[in-house]
Amino acid sequence: MDSTRIVQIQHAEYGRRVALVSGRELHLLSDYRTAYHLAGAAMESGTPMRELISADLSGIVLDYDEVHALRSGWSFLPSFDHPQDLARCLVSGCANAHTGSREGRPLAPPWFYKGNGAHLRAHGEVLTIPPFAMSGAEEAELVGVWIIAANGSPARVGITPGNEFADPALAGADARLLSHAKLRACSIGPELVLDPEFADIGGLVRVEREGKPIWSREIATGESHTQFNFAEVEEHLFKYTAHRVPGDAHIHYLGGSTSSYAEGILLEQGDHVVIEWDGFGRPLRNVIERLTA
């Protein structure tokens, strides 16, 4: 069975919509206008999300090439969010080392807080380097998405590509400042995969400057590469009561293996970072902006 993939998009006239990805087409849903409400309805009814989607197709079809290239009136939203309250979308991540071995791992995945829904950016949006930052660097990862049920249990929604943008120079200067280095804008999308396997996944990340690639690397993730599997990450993230508040959304970066910064690349104003994972749809592209005081 092929994975079901959706996007969240918005239009100045038509508002925000959810669309099913089908090849080079986007099929707009009718009643479900946010991925959050779609996931909530599936959780409450016990109906798989793919069935709710099939029953809610509006018949309106968009050209995905035009939308993804940002040449239409539509723009992307983060692939999942909390549409009513940015503070109720918790963004975090784990240092899920890509060692290929489980020997010597800690008792639990070392996780960190990245912010809330106000920090999330979509495909095509800007990732900013604050004036006080020492650096800014991409971290190509896959990202788990959950919504918390009325009884406080986490319900898996899916997995989406992400750029866990951070400040590695700050963390390198003083390890005690890691939490400061992680509190940055970050991106997810463009697609949310509702029923993927987190096993052995390949991909590619590149940095473009003035329209030309200046660095690229093949990347890999999934349980074949990480110290902790998806279920273990989930278990330790949601053992905390504060992470099981009914109605909250959780966005959790699952760990990465490489970064251009580690190979001497310093991102500059106007650079583009492009991340693509096999089986997770079209690339996630963001432009870098250095803010001034």
C-alpha atoms as a PDB file:
ATOM      1  CA  MET A   1       0.000   0.000   0.000  1.00  0.00           C
ATOM      2  CA  ASP A   2       1.428   3.368  -1.016  1.00  0.00           C
ATOM      3  CA  SER A   3       1.882   5.977   1.684  1.00  0.00           C
ATOM      4  CA  THR A   4      -0.677   8.746   1.889  1.00  0.00           C
ATOM      5  CA  ARG A   5       0.894  12.210   1.646  1.00  0.00           C
ATOM      6  CA  ILE A   6      -0.765  15.557   2.308  1.00  0.00           C
ATOM      7  CA  VAL A   7       0.236  19.231   2.280  1.00  0.00           C
ATOM      8  CA  GLN A   8      -1.082  22.360   3.951  1.00  0.00           C
ATOM      9  CA  ILE A   9      -1.352  25.395   1.675  1.00  0.00           C
ATOM     10  CA  GLN A  10      -2.982  28.805   1.783  1.00  0.00           C
ATOM     11  CA  HIS A  11      -4.319  31.379  -0.651  1.00  0.00           C
ATOM     12  CA  ALA A  12      -5.198  35.043  -0.168  1.00  0.00           C
ATOM     13  CA  GLU A  13      -8.719  34.448  -1.510  1.00  0.00           C
ATOM     14  CA  TYR A  14      -9.436  30.818  -0.610  1.00  0.00           C
ATOM     15  CA  GLY A  15      -7.760  30.638   2.794  1.00  0.00           C
ATOM     16  CA  ARG A  16      -5.935  27.605   4.113  1.00  0.00           C
ATOM     17  CA  ARG A  17      -6.551  24.135   2.750  1.00  0.00           C
ATOM     18  CA  VAL A  18      -5.332  20.572   3.054  1.00  0.00           C
ATOM     19  CA  ALA A  19      -4.551  18.709  -0.158  1.00  0.00           C
ATOM     20  CA  LEU A  20      -3.844  15.080  -1.016  1.00  0.00           C
ATOM     21  CA  VAL A  21      -0.690  14.570  -3.073  1.00  0.00           C
ATOM     22  CA  SER A  22      -1.265  12.486  -6.198  1.00  0.00           C
ATOM     23  CA  GLY A  23       1.662  12.546  -8.593  1.00  0.00           C
ATOM     24  CA  ARG A  24       1.807  15.986 -10.178  1.00  0.00           C
ATOM     25  CA  GLU A  25      -1.569  16.988  -8.750  1.00  0.00           C
ATOM     26  CA  LEU A  26      -2.882  18.310  -5.458  1.00  0.00           C
ATOM     27  CA  HIS A  27      -6.465  17.312  -4.643  1.00  0.00           C
ATOM     28  CA  LEU A  28      -8.032  19.787  -2.234  1.00  0.00           C
ATOM     29  CA  LEU A  29     -10.130  18.490   0.643  1.00  0.00           C
ATOM     30  CA  SER A  30     -13.529  20.020   1.252  1.00  0.00           C
ATOM     31  CA  ASP A  31     -14.386  20.127   4.969  1.00  0.00           C
ATOM     32  CA  TYR A  32     -11.030  19.478   6.621  1.00  0.00           C
ATOM     33  CA  ARG A  33      -9.102  22.721   6.225  1.00  0.00           C
ATOM     34  CA  THR A  34      -6.204  21.878   8.582  1.00  0.00           C
ATOM     35  CA  ALA A  35      -4.134  18.742   9.122  1.00  0.00           C
ATOM     36  CA  TYR A  36      -4.701  19.201  12.850  1.00  0.00           C
ATOM     37  CA  HIS A  37      -8.467  18.894  12.554  1.00  0.00           C
ATOM     38  CA  LEU A  38      -8.138  16.000  10.133  1.00  0.00           C
ATOM     39  CA  ALA A  39      -5.903  14.152  12.596  1.00  0.00           C
ATOM     40  CA  GLY A  40      -8.221  15.003  15.491  1.00  0.00           C
ATOM     41  CA  ALA A  41     -11.257  13.677  13.654  1.00  0.00           C
ATOM     42  CA  ALA A  42      -9.452  10.438  12.851  1.00  0.00           C
ATOM     43  CA  MET A  43      -8.366  10.056  16.478  1.00  0.00           C
ATOM     44  CA  GLU A  44     -11.842  10.689  17.883  1.00  0.00           C
ATOM     45  CA  SER A  45     -13.703   8.503  15.396  1.00  0.00           C
ATOM     46  CA  GLY A  46     -11.182   5.691  15.125  1.00  0.00           C
ATOM     47  CA  THR A  47     -11.269   6.079  11.350  1.00  0.00           C
ATOM     48  CA  PRO A  48      -7.921   6.004   9.494  1.00  0.00           C
ATOM     49  CA  MET A  49      -6.939   9.378   8.123  1.00  0.00           C
ATOM     50  CA  ARG A  50      -6.669   8.008   4.579  1.00  0.00           C
ATOM     51  CA  GLU A  51     -10.371   7.041   4.725  1.00  0.00           C
ATOM     52  CA  LEU A  52     -11.403  10.495   5.939  1.00  0.00           C
ATOM     53  CA  ILE A  53      -9.368  12.026   3.125  1.00  0.00           C
ATOM     54  CA  SER A  54     -10.937   9.815   0.454  1.00  0.00           C
ATOM     55  CA  ALA A  55     -14.412  10.786   1.653  1.00  0.00           C
ATOM     56  CA  ASP A  56     -13.631  14.511   1.741  1.00  0.00           C
ATOM     57  CA  LEU A  57     -12.138  15.192  -1.705  1.00  0.00           C
ATOM     58  CA  SER A  58     -13.618  18.385  -3.131  1.00  0.00           C
ATOM     59  CA  GLY A  59     -12.968  17.693  -6.816  1.00  0.00           C
ATOM     60  CA  ILE A  60     -10.691  20.741  -7.048  1.00  0.00           C
ATOM     61  CA  VAL A  61      -7.278  19.834  -8.450  1.00  0.00           C
ATOM     62  CA  LEU A  62      -4.146  22.028  -8.501  1.00  0.00           C
ATOM     63  CA  ASP A  63      -0.956  21.716 -10.527  1.00  0.00           C
ATOM     64  CA  TYR A  64       1.604  20.574  -7.952  1.00  0.00           C
ATOM     65  CA  ASP A  65       4.549  21.716 -10.062  1.00  0.00           C
ATOM     66  CA  GLU A  66       3.253  25.292 -10.037  1.00  0.00           C
ATOM     67  CA  VAL A  67       2.406  25.275  -6.329  1.00  0.00           C
ATOM     68  CA  HIS A  68       5.714  23.726  -5.229  1.00  0.00           C
ATOM     69  CA  ALA A  69       7.696  26.195  -7.345  1.00  0.00           C
ATOM     70  CA  LEU A  70       5.742  29.047  -5.706  1.00  0.00           C
ATOM     71  CA  ARG A  71       4.570  30.268  -9.100  1.00  0.00           C
ATOM     72  CA  SER A  72       0.874  30.222  -8.220  1.00  0.00           C
ATOM     73  CA  GLY A  73      -1.192  32.211  -5.761  1.00  0.00           C
ATOM     74  CA  TRP A  74      -0.809  29.357  -3.267  1.00  0.00           C
ATOM     75  CA  SER A  75       1.923  29.180  -0.643  1.00  0.00           C
ATOM     76  CA  PHE A  76       2.858  26.453   1.801  1.00  0.00           C
ATOM     77  CA  LEU A  77       2.218  26.265   5.509  1.00  0.00           C
ATOM     78  CA  PRO A  78       4.226  23.999   7.801  1.00  0.00           C
ATOM     79  CA  SER A  79       3.062  20.448   7.096  1.00  0.00           C
ATOM     80  CA  PHE A  80       1.507  20.287  10.594  1.00  0.00           C
ATOM     81  CA  ASP A  81       0.667  22.916  13.201  1.00  0.00           C
ATOM     82  CA  HIS A  82      -1.878  23.915  15.823  1.00  0.00           C
ATOM     83  CA  PRO A  83      -4.113  26.321  13.896  1.00  0.00           C
ATOM     84  CA  GLN A  84      -5.670  27.977  16.963  1.00  0.00           C
ATOM     85  CA  ASP A  85      -2.739  28.399  19.340  1.00  0.00           C
ATOM     86  CA  LEU A  86       0.942  28.561  18.364  1.00  0.00           C
ATOM     87  CA  ALA A  87       1.963  27.906  21.971  1.00  0.00           C
ATOM     88  CA  ARG A  88       0.181  24.537  21.919  1.00  0.00           C
ATOM     89  CA  CYS A  89       2.433  23.231  19.171  1.00  0.00           C
ATOM     90  CA  LEU A  90       5.580  22.064  20.982  1.00  0.00           C
ATOM     91  CA  VAL A  91       8.728  21.723  18.863  1.00  0.00           C
ATOM     92  CA  SER A  92      11.600  19.577  20.124  1.00  0.00           C
ATOM     93  CA  GLY A  93      14.269  17.196  18.897  1.00  0.00           C
ATOM     94  CA  CYS A  94      16.653  14.479  19.989  1.00  0.00           C
ATOM     95  CA  ALA A  95      20.351  13.878  19.539  1.00  0.00           C
ATOM     96  CA  ASN A  96      19.644  10.449  18.035  1.00  0.00           C
ATOM     97  CA  ALA A  97      23.212   9.674  17.030  1.00  0.00           C
ATOM     98  CA  HIS A  98      23.652   8.086  13.616  1.00  0.00           C
ATOM     99  CA  THR A  99      26.336   5.615  14.631  1.00  0.00           C
ATOM    100  CA  GLY A 100      25.069   2.416  13.031  1.00  0.00           C
ATOM    101  CA  SER A 101      25.488   0.814  16.454  1.00  0.00           C
ATOM    102  CA  ARG A 102      23.501   0.755  19.678  1.00  0.00           C
ATOM    103  CA  GLU A 103      26.531   0.180  21.855  1.00  0.00           C
ATOM    104  CA  GLY A 104      27.357   2.920  24.315  1.00  0.00           C
ATOM    105  CA  ARG A 105      24.065   4.733  23.958  1.00  0.00           C
ATOM    106  CA  PRO A 106      22.550   6.650  26.914  1.00  0.00           C
ATOM    107  CA  LEU A 107      19.527   5.415  28.820  1.00  0.00           C
ATOM    108  CA  ALA A 108      17.220   7.695  26.839  1.00  0.00           C
ATOM    109  CA  PRO A 109      17.512   9.890  23.750  1.00  0.00           C
ATOM    110  CA  PRO A 110      18.994  13.265  24.786  1.00  0.00           C
ATOM    111  CA  TRP A 111      16.236  15.623  23.713  1.00  0.00           C
ATOM    112  CA  PHE A 112      15.999  19.384  23.555  1.00  0.00           C
ATOM    113  CA  TYR A 113      13.355  22.090  23.207  1.00  0.00           C
ATOM    114  CA  LYS A 114      13.326  24.090  19.956  1.00  0.00           C
ATOM    115  CA  GLY A 115      10.356  26.343  20.597  1.00  0.00           C
ATOM    116  CA  ASN A 116       6.698  26.353  19.622  1.00  0.00           C
ATOM    117  CA  GLY A 117       4.577  26.892  16.547  1.00  0.00           C
ATOM    118  CA  ALA A 118       5.903  30.444  16.215  1.00  0.00           C
ATOM    119  CA  HIS A 119       9.292  28.962  15.281  1.00  0.00           C
ATOM    120  CA  LEU A 120       7.979  26.736  12.486  1.00  0.00           C
ATOM    121  CA  ARG A 121       8.560  27.682   8.860  1.00  0.00           C
ATOM    122  CA  ALA A 122       7.217  26.111   5.689  1.00  0.00           C
ATOM    123  CA  HIS A 123       8.682  25.172   2.327  1.00  0.00           C
ATOM    124  CA  GLY A 124       9.717  28.388   0.572  1.00  0.00           C
ATOM    125  CA  GLU A 125       9.905  30.473   3.727  1.00  0.00           C
ATOM    126  CA  VAL A 126      12.922  32.171   5.272  1.00  0.00           C
ATOM    127  CA  LEU A 127      15.103  30.696   8.022  1.00  0.00           C
ATOM    128  CA  THR A 128      16.633  33.543   9.997  1.00  0.00           C
ATOM    129  CA  ILE A 129      19.968  33.866  11.788  1.00  0.00           C
ATOM    130  CA  PRO A 130      19.408  36.267  14.710  1.00  0.00           C
ATOM    131  CA  PRO A 131      21.838  39.165  15.285  1.00  0.00           C
ATOM    132  CA  PHE A 132      23.065  37.556  18.524  1.00  0.00           C
ATOM    133  CA  ALA A 133      23.780  34.173  16.869  1.00  0.00           C
ATOM    134  CA  MET A 134      27.315  32.994  16.209  1.00  0.00           C
ATOM    135  CA  SER A 135      26.237  30.894  13.216  1.00  0.00           C
ATOM    136  CA  GLY A 136      23.327  29.259  11.466  1.00  0.00           C
ATOM    137  CA  ALA A 137      23.406  25.783   9.954  1.00  0.00           C
ATOM    138  CA  GLU A 138      21.000  23.309   8.443  1.00  0.00           C
ATOM    139  CA  GLU A 139      20.365  19.883   9.952  1.00  0.00           C
ATOM    140  CA  ALA A 140      18.534  17.597   7.537  1.00  0.00           C
ATOM    141  CA  GLU A 141      16.212  15.288   9.448  1.00  0.00           C
ATOM    142  CA  LEU A 142      12.882  13.523   9.466  1.00  0.00           C
ATOM    143  CA  VAL A 143      10.341  14.749  11.986  1.00  0.00           C
ATOM    144  CA  GLY A 144       7.695  12.890  13.975  1.00  0.00           C
ATOM    145  CA  VAL A 145       4.240  14.427  14.408  1.00  0.00           C
ATOM    146  CA  TRP A 146       1.736  13.650  17.178  1.00  0.00           C
ATOM    147  CA  ILE A 147      -1.487  14.983  18.625  1.00  0.00           C
ATOM    148  CA  ILE A 148      -2.489  14.312  22.233  1.00  0.00           C
ATOM    149  CA  ALA A 149      -5.818  12.533  22.758  1.00  0.00           C
ATOM    150  CA  ALA A 150      -8.418  13.450  25.383  1.00  0.00           C
ATOM    151  CA  ASN A 151      -7.091  10.715  27.683  1.00  0.00           C
ATOM    152  CA  GLY A 152      -3.546  12.109  27.474  1.00  0.00           C
ATOM    153  CA  SER A 153      -2.119   9.471  25.165  1.00  0.00           C
ATOM    154  CA  PRO A 154      -0.074  10.514  22.112  1.00  0.00           C
ATOM    155  CA  ALA A 155      -1.564   9.610  18.735  1.00  0.00           C
ATOM    156  CA  ARG A 156       0.899   9.294  15.865  1.00  0.00           C
ATOM    157  CA  VAL A 157       0.003  11.408  12.858  1.00  0.00           C
ATOM    158  CA  GLY A 158       2.982  10.817  10.579  1.00  0.00           C
ATOM    159  CA  ILE A 159       6.497  11.849   9.610  1.00  0.00           C
ATOM    160  CA  THR A 160       7.601  14.873   7.604  1.00  0.00           C
ATOM    161  CA  PRO A 161      10.925  16.197   6.259  1.00  0.00           C
ATOM    162  CA  GLY A 162      12.552  18.900   8.339  1.00  0.00           C
ATOM    163  CA  ASN A 163      15.427  21.330   8.660  1.00  0.00           C
ATOM    164  CA  GLU A 164      16.386  21.463  12.336  1.00  0.00           C
ATOM    165  CA  PHE A 165      18.154  24.787  11.904  1.00  0.00           C
ATOM    166  CA  ALA A 166      20.499  25.650  14.786  1.00  0.00           C
ATOM    167  CA  ASP A 167      23.620  27.557  15.896  1.00  0.00           C
ATOM    168  CA  PRO A 168      26.464  25.002  16.097  1.00  0.00           C
ATOM    169  CA  ALA A 169      29.163  27.627  16.676  1.00  0.00           C
ATOM    170  CA  LEU A 170      27.456  28.746  19.876  1.00  0.00           C
ATOM    171  CA  ALA A 171      27.098  25.175  21.130  1.00  0.00           C
ATOM    172  CA  GLY A 172      30.710  24.486  20.186  1.00  0.00           C
ATOM    173  CA  ALA A 173      31.979  27.512  22.087  1.00  0.00           C
ATOM    174  CA  ASP A 174      30.274  26.394  25.293  1.00  0.00           C
ATOM    175  CA  ALA A 175      28.359  23.111  25.594  1.00  0.00           C
ATOM    176  CA  ARG A 176      26.266  24.663  28.364  1.00  0.00           C
ATOM    177  CA  LEU A 177      24.685  26.912  25.729  1.00  0.00           C
ATOM    178  CA  LEU A 178      23.272  24.049  23.661  1.00  0.00           C
ATOM    179  CA  SER A 179      19.713  24.932  24.698  1.00  0.00           C
ATOM    180  CA  HIS A 180      20.295  28.499  23.463  1.00  0.00           C
ATOM    181  CA  ALA A 181      21.758  27.223  20.186  1.00  0.00           C
ATOM    182  CA  LYS A 182      18.707  25.063  19.495  1.00  0.00           C
ATOM    183  CA  LEU A 183      16.065  27.759  20.103  1.00  0.00           C
ATOM    184  CA  ARG A 184      15.795  28.882  16.478  1.00  0.00           C
ATOM    185  CA  ALA A 185      13.396  29.030  13.553  1.00  0.00           C
ATOM    186  CA  CYS A 186      13.160  25.645  11.829  1.00  0.00           C
ATOM    187  CA  SER A 187      11.171  24.188   8.959  1.00  0.00           C
ATOM    188  CA  ILE A 188       9.021  21.169   8.128  1.00  0.00           C
ATOM    189  CA  GLY A 189       7.335  19.997   4.949  1.00  0.00           C
ATOM    190  CA  PRO A 190       6.254  20.386   2.313  1.00  0.00           C
ATOM    191  CA  GLU A 191       4.610  16.960   2.686  1.00  0.00           C
ATOM    192  CA  LEU A 192       3.373  14.990   5.678  1.00  0.00           C
ATOM    193  CA  VAL A 193       3.464  11.210   5.206  1.00  0.00           C
ATOM    194  CA  LEU A 194       0.692   9.576   7.208  1.00  0.00           C
ATOM    195  CA  ASP A 195       1.821   5.964   7.313  1.00  0.00           C
ATOM    196  CA  PRO A 196       5.556   5.674   6.688  1.00  0.00           C
ATOM    197  CA  GLU A 197       8.140   3.225   7.912  1.00  0.00           C
ATOM    198  CA  PHE A 198      11.125   4.675   9.783  1.00  0.00           C
ATOM    199  CA  ALA A 199      13.583   2.010   8.710  1.00  0.00           C
ATOM    200  CA  ASP A 200      16.319   2.693   6.164  1.00  0.00           C
ATOM    201  CA  ILE A 201      15.773   6.010   4.389  1.00  0.00           C
ATOM    202  CA  GLY A 202      18.155   7.787   2.055  1.00  0.00           C
ATOM    203  CA  GLY A 203      18.194  11.359   0.921  1.00  0.00           C
ATOM    204  CA  LEU A 204      20.164  14.347  -0.258  1.00  0.00           C
ATOM    205  CA  VAL A 205      20.909  17.769   1.208  1.00  0.00           C
ATOM    206  CA  ARG A 206      22.531  20.658  -0.629  1.00  0.00           C
ATOM    207  CA  VAL A 207      23.360  24.319  -0.236  1.00  0.00           C
ATOM    208  CA  GLU A 208      22.899  26.648  -3.212  1.00  0.00           C
ATOM    209  CA  ARG A 209      24.470  30.078  -3.589  1.00  0.00           C
ATOM    210  CA  GLU A 210      23.396  32.400  -6.397  1.00  0.00           C
ATOM    211  CA  GLY A 211      21.558  29.513  -8.023  1.00  0.00           C
ATOM    212  CA  LYS A 212      24.494  27.074  -8.002  1.00  0.00           C
ATOM    213  CA  PRO A 213      25.198  24.191  -5.586  1.00  0.00           C
ATOM    214  CA  ILE A 214      28.264  24.825  -3.401  1.00  0.00           C
ATOM    215  CA  TRP A 215      27.908  21.728  -1.193  1.00  0.00           C
ATOM    216  CA  SER A 216      25.852  18.534  -1.193  1.00  0.00           C
ATOM    217  CA  ARG A 217      25.848  15.202   0.613  1.00  0.00           C
ATOM    218  CA  GLU A 218      23.907  11.990   0.561  1.00  0.00           C
ATOM    219  CA  ILE A 219      22.171  11.422   3.886  1.00  0.00           C
ATOM    220  CA  ALA A 220      20.518   8.496   5.624  1.00  0.00           C
ATOM    221  CA  THR A 221      18.253   8.001   8.604  1.00  0.00           C
ATOM    222  CA  GLY A 222      15.833   5.504  10.078  1.00  0.00           C
ATOM    223  CA  GLU A 223      16.195   2.721  12.600  1.00  0.00           C
ATOM    224  CA  SER A 224      18.977   1.099  10.572  1.00  0.00           C
ATOM    225  CA  HIS A 225      21.128   4.154  11.317  1.00  0.00           C
ATOM    226  CA  THR A 226      20.021   5.644  14.637  1.00  0.00           C
ATOM    227  CA  GLN A 227      20.761   4.599  18.203  1.00  0.00           C
ATOM    228  CA  PHE A 228      17.098   4.779  19.191  1.00  0.00           C
ATOM    229  CA  ASN A 229      14.122   3.500  17.242  1.00  0.00           C
ATOM    230  CA  PHE A 230      10.926   5.460  16.695  1.00  0.00           C
ATOM    231  CA  ALA A 231       9.032   3.733  19.503  1.00  0.00           C
ATOM    232  CA  GLU A 232      11.806   4.455  22.010  1.00  0.00           C
ATOM    233  CA  VAL A 233      11.930   8.121  21.038  1.00  0.00           C
ATOM    234  CA  GLU A 234       8.168   8.273  21.460  1.00  0.00           C
ATOM    235  CA  GLU A 235       8.243   6.451  24.802  1.00  0.00           C
ATOM    236  CA  HIS A 236      10.743   8.813  26.382  1.00  0.00           C
ATOM    237  CA  LEU A 237       9.296  12.011  24.913  1.00  0.00           C
ATOM    238  CA  PHE A 238       5.814  11.314  26.267  1.00  0.00           C
ATOM    239  CA  LYS A 239       6.707   9.948  29.687  1.00  0.00           C
ATOM    240  CA  TYR A 240       6.462  13.543  30.926  1.00  0.00           C
ATOM    241  CA  THR A 241       3.047  14.752  32.068  1.00  0.00           C
ATOM    242  CA  ALA A 242       3.609  18.183  30.533  1.00  0.00           C
ATOM    243  CA  HIS A 243       3.950  16.491  27.138  1.00  0.00           C
ATOM    244  CA  ARG A 244       0.571  14.773  27.393  1.00  0.00           C
ATOM    245  CA  VAL A 245      -1.807  17.737  27.528  1.00  0.00           C
ATOM    246  CA  PRO A 246      -4.969  16.867  25.538  1.00  0.00           C
ATOM    247  CA  GLY A 247      -5.156  18.766  22.279  1.00  0.00           C
ATOM    248  CA  ASP A 248      -1.476  19.705  22.111  1.00  0.00           C
ATOM    249  CA  ALA A 249       0.467  19.083  18.899  1.00  0.00           C
ATOM    250  CA  HIS A 250       4.058  17.815  19.014  1.00  0.00           C
ATOM    251  CA  ILE A 251       6.738  18.238  16.351  1.00  0.00           C
ATOM    252  CA  HIS A 252       9.907  16.236  17.166  1.00  0.00           C
ATOM    253  CA  TYR A 253      13.084  16.149  15.072  1.00  0.00           C
ATOM    254  CA  LEU A 254      14.405  12.583  14.987  1.00  0.00           C
ATOM    255  CA  GLY A 255      18.130  13.253  14.606  1.00  0.00           C
ATOM    256  CA  GLY A 256      20.526  13.956  11.735  1.00  0.00           C
ATOM    257  CA  SER A 257      23.862  12.704  10.466  1.00  0.00           C
ATOM    258  CA  THR A 258      25.576  15.588   8.682  1.00  0.00           C
ATOM    259  CA  SER A 259      25.731  19.342   8.268  1.00  0.00           C
ATOM    260  CA  SER A 260      27.521  21.666   5.877  1.00  0.00           C
ATOM    261  CA  TYR A 261      28.869  23.570   8.893  1.00  0.00           C
ATOM    262  CA  ALA A 262      30.885  20.526   9.964  1.00  0.00           C
ATOM    263  CA  GLU A 263      32.628  20.661   6.574  1.00  0.00           C
ATOM    264  CA  GLY A 264      33.516  24.330   6.730  1.00  0.00           C
ATOM    265  CA  ILE A 265      30.517  25.861   4.943  1.00  0.00           C
ATOM    266  CA  LEU A 266      29.212  29.081   6.504  1.00  0.00           C
ATOM    267  CA  LEU A 267      25.724  29.945   5.325  1.00  0.00           C
ATOM    268  CA  GLU A 268      25.365  33.440   3.896  1.00  0.00           C
ATOM    269  CA  GLN A 269      22.514  35.824   3.193  1.00  0.00           C
ATOM    270  CA  GLY A 270      20.417  34.494   0.318  1.00  0.00           C
ATOM    271  CA  ASP A 271      21.728  30.914   0.389  1.00  0.00           C
ATOM    272  CA  HIS A 272      19.179  28.166  -0.228  1.00  0.00           C
ATOM    273  CA  VAL A 273      19.111  24.893   1.690  1.00  0.00           C
ATOM    274  CA  VAL A 274      17.356  22.001  -0.050  1.00  0.00           C
ATOM    275  CA  ILE A 275      16.497  18.723   1.702  1.00  0.00           C
ATOM    276  CA  GLU A 276      14.974  15.689   0.005  1.00  0.00           C
ATOM    277  CA  TRP A 277      14.174  12.271   1.499  1.00  0.00           C
ATOM    278  CA  ASP A 278      13.327   9.199  -0.569  1.00  0.00           C
ATOM    279  CA  GLY A 279       9.638   8.369  -0.196  1.00  0.00           C
ATOM    280  CA  PHE A 280       8.770  11.643   1.525  1.00  0.00           C
ATOM    281  CA  GLY A 281       7.739  13.715  -1.450  1.00  0.00           C
ATOM    282  CA  ARG A 282       9.083  16.877  -2.931  1.00  0.00           C
ATOM    283  CA  PRO A 283      12.116  18.750  -1.559  1.00  0.00           C
ATOM    284  CA  LEU A 284      11.973  21.180   1.334  1.00  0.00           C
ATOM    285  CA  ARG A 285      13.632  24.444   0.304  1.00  0.00           C
ATOM    286  CA  ASN A 286      14.365  27.445   2.526  1.00  0.00           C
ATOM    287  CA  VAL A 287      16.316  30.643   1.988  1.00  0.00           C
ATOM    288  CA  ILE A 288      18.712  31.975   4.641  1.00  0.00           C
ATOM    289  CA  GLU A 289      18.447  35.493   6.025  1.00  0.00           C
ATOM    290  CA  ARG A 290      20.896  37.091   8.460  1.00  0.00           C
ATOM    291  CA  LEU A 291      19.053  39.585  10.645  1.00  0.00           C
ATOM    292  CA  THR A 292      20.699  42.796  11.798  1.00  0.00           C
ATOM    293  CA  ALA A 293      20.146  44.497  15.126  1.00  0.00           C
END
